[in-house]
Amino acid sequence: MIAVIIQAREKSTRFPKKIFKKIIKNENSLSLIIKRLKKSKQVEKTIIAIPSLTKNFKSMKKRYRHIKLFVGNEKDVLSRYYYAAKKNNISIIVRITSDCPLVDWEMLDRMIKDFKKLKVDFYSNCLNRTFPDGYDIEIFSFKALSLAFHKAKKVFDREHVTSYLKRSKLIKKKNFTNKINLYFIRLTLDTKKDLFFIKKIYKFFYPEIFFKFKDVMQLFSQKPHLFHQKW
């Protein structure tokens, strides 16, 4: 089974409850990610891996009944992924974080197809970053996740899930690279300023919320001043 596990939490040192902040209409970062990922033709299941079952997450569960919630260790996020995957018999795991409300389902589907053809353990567009920050996608086998879970000892590796996989010589890995290096563009949600820019993007395309990566890049190309970013 191929499943997306969305890493989510309410606590954030820089921007508390950022994933539940309104972006457009009644949508927040997490709800937009869920809706956009549902358009994927490759993903069979979506799981939100959380450290605690709060009121906000309970309301999300009621709103999206096809979504599973898995409550795991708060600091050991690697174990949270491992047990979520193990419990749900997932063979191919897609890691998406809840601060990526612009995640592109077409990019994801292409990467899943590549992952199957390449027969690697770990496939990512983050090994050598060429996509804007906020479009991060990581795909790995349960075998690779299990290896990291049992071998990774550093606190950093337990917290960041895939850092051990990126370093390990035991893992066969490959990077999905964009033709143009656009990593200098920041489209992740980590601060109030980030929220401001992401809101602008959604406002520009609204009522369409299923715009794609290429649409956003075209917007930046034509109107970089709209977001106060340099192309």
Foldseek 3Di string as FASTA:
>chain_A
DEEEEEEDEQDAPADGNQQCDDQDDNDGLQRLVVVQQVPAPPHDAYEYEYQDDDPVNVVVCVVDVRYHYFHDHHQQVLVSVLVVCVVVVHFKYKYHYSQQSQAHNVVVNVQVVVCVVVVFAKEWQPLDPQAAARHTIIMGGSVLSVCLVVPPDDSVCSRPNCPCVSPDPVGGYDYDHDPGRPHVHHQTGRHPLNSVLSSLVQVVPPPDSNDHPVVVVVCCVVCVVSSPDDD
